[in-house]
């Protein structure tokens, strides 16, 4: 059973989850010369209007919630690694850019796809409990949404740590 429990960041614009957050907004290309993963987190979202200070405020075990097409754009691995460096335990989105999704899964970084989410009464800073086996999103013990089940391969890669470790076991 995989359960994520953490404080949430609702990435909102005009009270709606932000769609089309591309890899340049997640991790700007001006930082691409940085190759040390432990230095990447400090630049997370500093090119996303209204969230430039995200990295200074993020805490270990935080969960980021965004709209559709998260991570569209380039095949920038740093856009996955920056969250891991900050200790953000997972990203939940309505959908993902194809390359971002593949990079995250291959890296063993948990990305969850939202099937439904009741945002009434939900705000940044609330704590959620997400059970990927049952697919439930809970707040204060009440189910407020659902996530798409993880594929068997995604579960296996997450358990192994990344796709390279997973492949060693084949």
N, C-alpha and C. Protein backbone atom coordinates (compact mmCIF):
# COMPACT_ATOMS: atom_id res chain seq x y z
N UNK A 1 0.85 -1.17 0.00
CA UNK A 1 0.00 0.00 0.00
C UNK A 1 0.89 1.24 0.00
N UNK A 2 0.58 2.20 -0.84
CA UNK A 2 1.31 3.46 -0.89
C UNK A 2 0.39 4.59 -0.47
N UNK A 3 0.81 5.29 0.56
CA UNK A 3 0.02 6.41 1.08
C UNK A 3 0.92 7.64 1.16
N UNK A 4 0.41 8.74 0.67
CA UNK A 4 1.10 10.03 0.77
C UNK A 4 0.28 10.92 1.69
N UNK A 5 0.93 11.46 2.69
CA UNK A 5 0.26 12.34 3.64
C UNK A 5 1.08 13.60 3.76
N UNK A 6 0.48 14.73 3.42
CA UNK A 6 1.25 15.96 3.50
C UNK A 6 0.40 17.20 3.33
N UNK A 7 1.09 18.31 3.53
CA UNK A 7 0.50 19.64 3.38
C UNK A 7 0.44 19.98 1.90
N UNK A 8 -0.67 20.56 1.48
CA UNK A 8 -0.85 20.80 0.04
C UNK A 8 -0.57 22.24 -0.37
N UNK A 9 -0.18 22.35 -1.61
CA UNK A 9 -0.07 23.61 -2.34
C UNK A 9 -1.06 23.53 -3.49
N UNK A 10 -2.13 24.30 -3.42
CA UNK A 10 -3.04 24.42 -4.56
C UNK A 10 -2.47 25.52 -5.45
N UNK A 11 -2.04 25.18 -6.64
CA UNK A 11 -1.47 26.15 -7.56
C UNK A 11 -2.62 26.77 -8.34
N UNK A 12 -3.02 27.97 -7.91
CA UNK A 12 -4.23 28.59 -8.42
C UNK A 12 -3.96 29.91 -9.13
N UNK A 13 -4.82 30.17 -10.11
CA UNK A 13 -4.90 31.48 -10.76
C UNK A 13 -6.38 31.74 -10.96
N UNK A 14 -6.87 32.86 -10.47
CA UNK A 14 -8.30 33.18 -10.52
C UNK A 14 -9.14 32.05 -9.92
N UNK A 15 -8.66 31.50 -8.82
CA UNK A 15 -9.33 30.44 -8.07
C UNK A 15 -9.51 29.14 -8.85
N UNK A 16 -8.75 28.95 -9.90
CA UNK A 16 -8.77 27.70 -10.68
C UNK A 16 -7.37 27.10 -10.67
N UNK A 17 -7.29 25.77 -10.68
CA UNK A 17 -5.99 25.12 -10.79
C UNK A 17 -5.33 25.57 -12.09
N UNK A 18 -4.07 25.88 -12.02
CA UNK A 18 -3.36 26.40 -13.20
C UNK A 18 -3.08 25.25 -14.17
N UNK A 19 -3.46 25.45 -15.42
CA UNK A 19 -3.19 24.52 -16.51
C UNK A 19 -1.92 24.95 -17.24
N UNK A 20 -1.35 24.02 -17.98
CA UNK A 20 -0.25 24.30 -18.91
C UNK A 20 0.99 24.89 -18.23
N UNK A 21 1.30 24.43 -17.03
CA UNK A 21 2.56 24.83 -16.40
C UNK A 21 3.66 24.03 -17.10
N UNK A 22 4.47 24.73 -17.88
CA UNK A 22 5.49 24.03 -18.66
C UNK A 22 6.79 23.89 -17.87
N UNK A 23 7.72 23.15 -18.45
CA UNK A 23 8.97 22.87 -17.74
C UNK A 23 9.79 24.13 -17.51
N UNK A 24 9.61 25.15 -18.33
CA UNK A 24 10.33 26.41 -18.13
C UNK A 24 9.78 27.17 -16.92
N UNK A 25 8.50 27.00 -16.63
CA UNK A 25 7.91 27.61 -15.43
C UNK A 25 8.30 26.83 -14.18
N UNK A 26 8.44 25.53 -14.32
CA UNK A 26 8.83 24.69 -13.19
C UNK A 26 10.30 24.92 -12.84
N UNK A 27 11.15 24.86 -13.86
CA UNK A 27 12.60 25.00 -13.67
C UNK A 27 13.15 25.73 -14.89
N UNK A 28 13.39 27.01 -14.73
CA UNK A 28 13.75 27.87 -15.85
C UNK A 28 15.06 27.45 -16.51
N UNK A 29 15.12 27.66 -17.83
CA UNK A 29 16.30 27.24 -18.59
C UNK A 29 17.57 27.98 -18.19
N UNK A 30 17.46 29.11 -17.51
CA UNK A 30 18.67 29.83 -17.10
C UNK A 30 19.46 29.07 -16.03
N UNK A 31 18.85 28.04 -15.44
CA UNK A 31 19.53 27.25 -14.40
C UNK A 31 20.04 25.90 -14.92
N UNK A 32 19.97 25.68 -16.22
CA UNK A 32 20.32 24.36 -16.76
C UNK A 32 21.79 23.98 -16.57
N UNK A 33 22.64 24.96 -16.31
CA UNK A 33 24.06 24.64 -16.07
C UNK A 33 24.26 23.95 -14.72
N UNK A 34 23.26 24.03 -13.84
CA UNK A 34 23.36 23.37 -12.54
C UNK A 34 23.11 21.87 -12.75
N UNK A 35 24.09 21.07 -12.38
CA UNK A 35 23.97 19.63 -12.58
C UNK A 35 23.84 18.86 -11.26
N UNK A 36 24.07 19.55 -10.15
CA UNK A 36 23.95 18.92 -8.84
C UNK A 36 22.49 18.96 -8.41
N UNK A 37 21.87 17.79 -8.36
CA UNK A 37 20.44 17.69 -8.03
C UNK A 37 20.12 18.36 -6.70
N UNK A 38 21.05 18.35 -5.77
CA UNK A 38 20.79 18.94 -4.45
C UNK A 38 20.76 20.47 -4.48
N UNK A 39 21.04 21.05 -5.63
CA UNK A 39 21.01 22.51 -5.78
C UNK A 39 19.81 22.98 -6.62
N UNK A 40 19.00 22.06 -7.09
CA UNK A 40 17.93 22.40 -8.02
C UNK A 40 16.66 22.92 -7.36
N UNK A 41 16.33 22.42 -6.20
CA UNK A 41 15.07 22.76 -5.55
C UNK A 41 14.86 24.24 -5.33
N UNK A 42 15.92 24.95 -5.03
CA UNK A 42 15.81 26.38 -4.71
C UNK A 42 15.24 27.21 -5.86
N UNK A 43 15.21 26.66 -7.06
CA UNK A 43 14.72 27.41 -8.23
C UNK A 43 13.34 26.96 -8.71
N UNK A 44 12.71 26.05 -7.97
CA UNK A 44 11.42 25.51 -8.36
C UNK A 44 10.36 26.61 -8.43
N UNK A 45 9.69 26.69 -9.56
CA UNK A 45 8.59 27.63 -9.82
C UNK A 45 9.01 29.10 -9.78
N UNK A 46 10.30 29.41 -9.81
CA UNK A 46 10.64 30.84 -9.73
C UNK A 46 10.34 31.58 -11.02
N UNK A 47 9.84 30.86 -12.02
CA UNK A 47 9.40 31.48 -13.27
C UNK A 47 7.89 31.32 -13.47
N UNK A 48 7.17 31.04 -12.37
CA UNK A 48 5.71 30.91 -12.41
C UNK A 48 5.12 32.08 -11.64
N UNK A 49 4.45 32.95 -12.36
CA UNK A 49 3.91 34.18 -11.77
C UNK A 49 3.05 33.86 -10.54
N UNK A 50 3.38 34.53 -9.45
CA UNK A 50 2.66 34.35 -8.20
C UNK A 50 3.25 33.30 -7.29
N UNK A 51 4.18 32.49 -7.81
CA UNK A 51 4.75 31.40 -7.03
C UNK A 51 6.28 31.45 -7.02
N UNK A 52 6.82 32.62 -7.29
CA UNK A 52 8.27 32.77 -7.36
C UNK A 52 8.97 32.41 -6.05
N UNK A 53 8.27 32.52 -4.94
CA UNK A 53 8.85 32.23 -3.63
C UNK A 53 8.51 30.81 -3.13
N UNK A 54 7.97 29.98 -4.00
CA UNK A 54 7.57 28.62 -3.63
C UNK A 54 8.70 27.87 -2.94
N UNK A 55 9.89 27.88 -3.51
CA UNK A 55 11.00 27.09 -2.97
C UNK A 55 11.39 27.53 -1.56
N UNK A 56 11.22 28.80 -1.26
CA UNK A 56 11.55 29.29 0.08
C UNK A 56 10.51 28.85 1.11
N UNK A 57 9.29 28.62 0.66
CA UNK A 57 8.19 28.28 1.58
C UNK A 57 7.88 26.79 1.63
N UNK A 58 8.30 26.05 0.61
CA UNK A 58 8.00 24.62 0.56
C UNK A 58 8.69 23.90 1.71
N UNK A 59 8.04 22.84 2.17
CA UNK A 59 8.57 22.04 3.26
C UNK A 59 8.58 20.58 2.85
N UNK A 60 9.46 19.79 3.47
CA UNK A 60 9.43 18.35 3.19
C UNK A 60 8.03 17.79 3.45
N UNK A 61 7.64 16.86 2.61
CA UNK A 61 6.34 16.18 2.65
C UNK A 61 5.20 17.01 2.08
N UNK A 62 5.49 18.14 1.46
CA UNK A 62 4.44 18.91 0.78
C UNK A 62 3.98 18.16 -0.46
N UNK A 63 2.77 18.50 -0.89
CA UNK A 63 2.15 17.93 -2.09
C UNK A 63 1.70 19.10 -2.96
N UNK A 64 2.05 19.05 -4.24
CA UNK A 64 1.67 20.10 -5.19
C UNK A 64 0.47 19.61 -5.98
N UNK A 65 -0.56 20.46 -6.09
CA UNK A 65 -1.77 20.13 -6.86
C UNK A 65 -1.94 21.18 -7.96
N UNK A 66 -2.00 20.70 -9.20
CA UNK A 66 -2.07 21.57 -10.37
C UNK A 66 -3.15 21.09 -11.34
N UNK A 67 -3.34 21.84 -12.41
CA UNK A 67 -4.37 21.53 -13.40
C UNK A 67 -3.89 20.57 -14.48
N UNK A 68 -4.31 20.87 -15.71
CA UNK A 68 -4.03 19.99 -16.85
C UNK A 68 -2.70 20.31 -17.50
N UNK A 69 -2.15 19.29 -18.15
CA UNK A 69 -0.97 19.41 -18.99
C UNK A 69 0.27 19.89 -18.22
N UNK A 70 0.42 19.41 -17.00
CA UNK A 70 1.55 19.81 -16.18
C UNK A 70 2.84 19.23 -16.76
N UNK A 71 3.84 20.08 -16.86
CA UNK A 71 5.15 19.64 -17.34
C UNK A 71 5.26 19.56 -18.84
N UNK A 72 4.38 20.25 -19.55
CA UNK A 72 4.50 20.27 -21.01
C UNK A 72 5.79 20.99 -21.39
N UNK A 73 6.22 20.82 -22.60
CA UNK A 73 7.42 21.52 -23.05
C UNK A 73 8.58 20.59 -23.27
N UNK A 74 9.73 21.00 -22.81
CA UNK A 74 10.97 20.28 -23.09
C UNK A 74 11.10 19.02 -22.24
N UNK A 75 12.12 18.25 -22.54
CA UNK A 75 12.39 17.02 -21.80
C UNK A 75 13.34 17.29 -20.64
N UNK A 76 13.08 18.33 -19.92
CA UNK A 76 13.95 18.83 -18.85
C UNK A 76 13.80 18.00 -17.58
N UNK A 77 14.76 17.12 -17.32
CA UNK A 77 14.73 16.27 -16.12
C UNK A 77 14.75 17.09 -14.83
N UNK A 78 15.37 18.26 -14.88
CA UNK A 78 15.45 19.11 -13.69
C UNK A 78 14.05 19.50 -13.19
N UNK A 79 13.06 19.52 -14.07
CA UNK A 79 11.70 19.88 -13.70
C UNK A 79 11.05 18.80 -12.83
N UNK A 80 11.62 17.61 -12.83
CA UNK A 80 11.21 16.55 -11.91
C UNK A 80 12.10 16.59 -10.67
N UNK A 81 13.40 16.66 -10.90
CA UNK A 81 14.36 16.56 -9.81
C UNK A 81 14.25 17.69 -8.79
N UNK A 82 13.81 18.87 -9.22
CA UNK A 82 13.72 20.00 -8.28
C UNK A 82 12.72 19.72 -7.16
N UNK A 83 11.63 19.02 -7.46
CA UNK A 83 10.65 18.69 -6.42
C UNK A 83 11.24 17.68 -5.43
N UNK A 84 11.94 16.71 -5.96
CA UNK A 84 12.58 15.71 -5.13
C UNK A 84 13.59 16.37 -4.18
N UNK A 85 14.37 17.31 -4.70
CA UNK A 85 15.35 18.02 -3.87
C UNK A 85 14.68 18.77 -2.73
N UNK A 86 13.51 19.35 -2.96
CA UNK A 86 12.80 20.10 -1.92
C UNK A 86 12.11 19.18 -0.90
N UNK A 87 11.97 17.90 -1.25
CA UNK A 87 11.25 16.98 -0.37
C UNK A 87 9.76 16.95 -0.62
N UNK A 88 9.32 17.57 -1.74
CA UNK A 88 7.91 17.50 -2.13
C UNK A 88 7.62 16.03 -2.45
N UNK A 89 6.67 15.42 -1.75
CA UNK A 89 6.52 13.97 -1.84
C UNK A 89 5.79 13.48 -3.08
N UNK A 90 4.98 14.35 -3.69
CA UNK A 90 4.33 13.97 -4.94
C UNK A 90 3.68 15.19 -5.56
N UNK A 91 3.38 15.05 -6.83
CA UNK A 91 2.62 16.05 -7.57
C UNK A 91 1.34 15.38 -8.01
N UNK A 92 0.21 16.10 -7.83
CA UNK A 92 -1.08 15.63 -8.32
C UNK A 92 -1.57 16.62 -9.37
N UNK A 93 -1.93 16.10 -10.54
CA UNK A 93 -2.40 16.96 -11.63
C UNK A 93 -3.58 16.30 -12.32
N UNK A 94 -4.33 17.12 -13.06
CA UNK A 94 -5.43 16.58 -13.87
C UNK A 94 -4.88 15.80 -15.05
N UNK A 95 -3.73 16.24 -15.58
CA UNK A 95 -3.03 15.50 -16.64
C UNK A 95 -1.59 16.03 -16.72
N UNK A 96 -0.76 15.29 -17.43
CA UNK A 96 0.67 15.60 -17.54
C UNK A 96 1.09 15.66 -19.00
N UNK A 97 2.12 16.45 -19.26
CA UNK A 97 2.78 16.38 -20.55
C UNK A 97 3.43 15.01 -20.66
N UNK A 98 3.43 14.43 -21.85
CA UNK A 98 3.89 13.05 -22.03
C UNK A 98 5.35 12.85 -21.61
N UNK A 99 6.22 13.75 -21.98
CA UNK A 99 7.64 13.60 -21.64
C UNK A 99 7.85 13.75 -20.14
N UNK A 100 7.17 14.72 -19.53
CA UNK A 100 7.29 14.92 -18.09
C UNK A 100 6.84 13.65 -17.36
N UNK A 101 5.71 13.10 -17.78
CA UNK A 101 5.19 11.89 -17.14
C UNK A 101 6.21 10.76 -17.20
N UNK A 102 6.78 10.57 -18.37
CA UNK A 102 7.77 9.50 -18.54
C UNK A 102 9.01 9.76 -17.68
N UNK A 103 9.49 11.01 -17.66
CA UNK A 103 10.67 11.35 -16.85
C UNK A 103 10.41 11.09 -15.37
N UNK A 104 9.24 11.50 -14.89
CA UNK A 104 8.92 11.31 -13.47
C UNK A 104 8.84 9.83 -13.12
N UNK A 105 8.13 9.07 -13.93
CA UNK A 105 8.00 7.63 -13.66
C UNK A 105 9.38 6.97 -13.70
N UNK A 106 10.17 7.24 -14.73
CA UNK A 106 11.50 6.64 -14.84
C UNK A 106 12.40 7.00 -13.66
N UNK A 107 12.21 8.20 -13.12
CA UNK A 107 13.02 8.66 -11.98
C UNK A 107 12.54 8.09 -10.65
N UNK A 108 11.38 7.45 -10.68
CA UNK A 108 10.82 6.95 -9.44
C UNK A 108 10.19 8.06 -8.61
N UNK A 109 9.79 9.15 -9.30
CA UNK A 109 9.14 10.25 -8.60
C UNK A 109 7.63 10.10 -8.75
N UNK A 110 6.89 10.11 -7.63
CA UNK A 110 5.45 9.88 -7.72
C UNK A 110 4.65 11.06 -8.27
N UNK A 111 3.98 10.80 -9.37
CA UNK A 111 3.01 11.74 -9.93
C UNK A 111 1.67 11.01 -9.96
N UNK A 112 0.65 11.70 -9.49
CA UNK A 112 -0.68 11.11 -9.40
C UNK A 112 -1.64 11.91 -10.26
N UNK A 113 -2.51 11.21 -10.96
CA UNK A 113 -3.49 11.86 -11.83
C UNK A 113 -4.83 11.93 -11.11
N UNK A 114 -5.34 13.15 -10.99
CA UNK A 114 -6.60 13.40 -10.31
C UNK A 114 -7.76 12.99 -11.22
N UNK A 115 -8.63 12.13 -10.70
CA UNK A 115 -9.86 11.78 -11.41
C UNK A 115 -10.99 12.71 -11.01
N UNK A 116 -11.04 13.04 -9.72
CA UNK A 116 -12.04 13.98 -9.21
C UNK A 116 -11.50 14.58 -7.92
N UNK A 117 -11.90 15.83 -7.65
CA UNK A 117 -11.45 16.51 -6.44
C UNK A 117 -12.47 17.58 -6.07
N UNK A 118 -13.03 17.45 -4.88
CA UNK A 118 -13.95 18.47 -4.36
C UNK A 118 -13.10 19.52 -3.66
N UNK A 119 -12.95 20.67 -4.31
CA UNK A 119 -12.10 21.73 -3.78
C UNK A 119 -12.83 22.64 -2.81
N UNK A 120 -14.14 22.46 -2.62
CA UNK A 120 -14.86 23.32 -1.68
C UNK A 120 -14.30 23.07 -0.28
N UNK A 121 -13.90 24.14 0.36
CA UNK A 121 -13.33 24.03 1.69
C UNK A 121 -11.88 23.60 1.71
N UNK A 122 -11.28 23.44 0.55
CA UNK A 122 -9.89 23.01 0.45
C UNK A 122 -9.01 24.22 0.18
N UNK A 123 -7.92 24.34 0.91
CA UNK A 123 -7.02 25.46 0.68
C UNK A 123 -5.58 25.04 0.90
N UNK A 124 -4.68 25.80 0.32
CA UNK A 124 -3.25 25.54 0.52
C UNK A 124 -2.97 25.52 2.01
N UNK A 125 -2.15 24.56 2.41
CA UNK A 125 -1.81 24.40 3.82
C UNK A 125 -2.59 23.29 4.50
N UNK A 126 -3.71 22.88 3.90
CA UNK A 126 -4.46 21.74 4.43
C UNK A 126 -3.62 20.47 4.28
N UNK A 127 -3.93 19.49 5.08
CA UNK A 127 -3.24 18.20 5.00
C UNK A 127 -4.17 17.18 4.34
N UNK A 128 -3.63 16.47 3.36
CA UNK A 128 -4.38 15.42 2.68
C UNK A 128 -3.69 14.08 2.89
N UNK A 129 -4.48 13.04 2.77
CA UNK A 129 -4.01 11.67 2.81
C UNK A 129 -4.43 11.03 1.49
N UNK A 130 -3.46 10.58 0.69
CA UNK A 130 -3.76 9.99 -0.61
C UNK A 130 -3.32 8.54 -0.58
N UNK A 131 -4.26 7.64 -0.79
CA UNK A 131 -3.98 6.20 -0.82
C UNK A 131 -4.04 5.76 -2.28
N UNK A 132 -2.89 5.41 -2.84
CA UNK A 132 -2.87 5.07 -4.27
C UNK A 132 -3.49 3.72 -4.56
N UNK A 133 -3.57 2.84 -3.57
CA UNK A 133 -4.20 1.54 -3.81
C UNK A 133 -5.71 1.67 -3.90
N UNK A 134 -6.32 2.39 -2.97
CA UNK A 134 -7.77 2.58 -3.01
C UNK A 134 -8.15 3.73 -3.95
N UNK A 135 -7.16 4.59 -4.26
CA UNK A 135 -7.42 5.72 -5.14
C UNK A 135 -8.09 6.89 -4.44
N UNK A 136 -8.11 6.89 -3.12
CA UNK A 136 -8.83 7.94 -2.40
C UNK A 136 -7.94 9.10 -1.99
N UNK A 137 -8.56 10.28 -2.01
CA UNK A 137 -7.96 11.50 -1.47
C UNK A 137 -8.83 11.87 -0.28
N UNK A 138 -8.22 11.95 0.91
CA UNK A 138 -8.98 12.25 2.12
C UNK A 138 -8.47 13.50 2.81
N UNK A 139 -9.42 14.23 3.38
CA UNK A 139 -9.11 15.36 4.25
C UNK A 139 -9.89 15.14 5.53
N UNK A 140 -9.19 15.13 6.64
CA UNK A 140 -9.83 14.93 7.94
C UNK A 140 -10.69 13.68 7.97
N UNK A 141 -10.23 12.61 7.31
CA UNK A 141 -10.94 11.34 7.32
C UNK A 141 -12.10 11.22 6.34
N UNK A 142 -12.39 12.30 5.61
CA UNK A 142 -13.49 12.28 4.63
C UNK A 142 -12.92 12.21 3.22
N UNK A 143 -13.48 11.35 2.39
CA UNK A 143 -13.05 11.24 1.01
C UNK A 143 -13.53 12.47 0.24
N UNK A 144 -12.58 13.19 -0.36
CA UNK A 144 -12.93 14.40 -1.12
C UNK A 144 -12.54 14.27 -2.59
N UNK A 145 -11.98 13.12 -2.96
CA UNK A 145 -11.60 12.94 -4.35
C UNK A 145 -10.99 11.58 -4.59
N UNK A 146 -10.58 11.41 -5.85
CA UNK A 146 -9.98 10.14 -6.26
C UNK A 146 -8.83 10.41 -7.21
N UNK A 147 -7.84 9.53 -7.15
CA UNK A 147 -6.74 9.55 -8.11
C UNK A 147 -6.80 8.27 -8.94
N UNK A 148 -6.27 8.38 -10.14
CA UNK A 148 -6.19 7.23 -11.04
C UNK A 148 -5.23 6.22 -10.43
N UNK A 149 -5.56 4.93 -10.46
CA UNK A 149 -4.63 3.92 -9.92
C UNK A 149 -3.30 3.95 -10.66
N UNK A 150 -2.23 3.67 -9.94
CA UNK A 150 -0.92 3.56 -10.58
C UNK A 150 -0.86 2.27 -11.38
N UNK A 151 -0.18 2.31 -12.50
CA UNK A 151 0.00 1.09 -13.28
C UNK A 151 0.94 0.15 -12.52
N UNK A 152 0.91 -1.12 -12.86
CA UNK A 152 1.79 -2.09 -12.22
C UNK A 152 3.25 -1.71 -12.43
N UNK A 153 3.60 -1.30 -13.63
CA UNK A 153 4.98 -0.90 -13.92
C UNK A 153 5.36 0.33 -13.11
N UNK A 154 4.47 1.31 -13.02
CA UNK A 154 4.76 2.51 -12.24
C UNK A 154 4.99 2.13 -10.77
N UNK A 155 4.15 1.26 -10.22
CA UNK A 155 4.35 0.81 -8.84
C UNK A 155 5.70 0.13 -8.67
N UNK A 156 6.04 -0.73 -9.63
CA UNK A 156 7.30 -1.46 -9.54
C UNK A 156 8.51 -0.53 -9.63
N UNK A 157 8.45 0.46 -10.51
CA UNK A 157 9.54 1.43 -10.64
C UNK A 157 9.65 2.27 -9.37
N UNK A 158 8.53 2.72 -8.83
CA UNK A 158 8.54 3.48 -7.57
C UNK A 158 9.16 2.65 -6.45
N UNK A 159 8.78 1.39 -6.36
CA UNK A 159 9.30 0.51 -5.31
C UNK A 159 10.81 0.29 -5.47
N UNK A 160 11.26 0.20 -6.72
CA UNK A 160 12.69 -0.03 -6.98
C UNK A 160 13.51 1.24 -6.78
N UNK A 161 12.89 2.40 -6.93
CA UNK A 161 13.60 3.67 -6.78
C UNK A 161 13.74 4.44 -8.07
N UNK A 162 13.89 3.73 -9.17
CA UNK A 162 13.94 4.34 -10.51
C UNK A 162 13.95 3.22 -11.54
N UNK A 163 13.87 3.59 -12.81
CA UNK A 163 13.76 2.58 -13.85
C UNK A 163 15.03 1.73 -13.99
N UNK A 164 16.19 2.30 -13.66
CA UNK A 164 17.43 1.54 -13.77
C UNK A 164 17.49 0.44 -12.71
N UNK A 165 17.09 0.78 -11.49
CA UNK A 165 17.06 -0.23 -10.44
C UNK A 165 16.00 -1.28 -10.74
N UNK A 166 14.88 -0.84 -11.28
CA UNK A 166 13.81 -1.77 -11.68
C UNK A 166 14.33 -2.76 -12.72
N UNK A 167 15.06 -2.27 -13.70
CA UNK A 167 15.56 -3.12 -14.78
C UNK A 167 16.55 -4.16 -14.28
N UNK A 168 17.28 -3.86 -13.24
CA UNK A 168 18.24 -4.83 -12.67
C UNK A 168 17.54 -6.07 -12.15
N UNK A 169 16.28 -5.89 -11.75
CA UNK A 169 15.53 -7.02 -11.20
C UNK A 169 14.82 -7.86 -12.25
N UNK A 170 14.91 -7.48 -13.51
CA UNK A 170 14.22 -8.24 -14.56
C UNK A 170 15.00 -9.44 -15.00
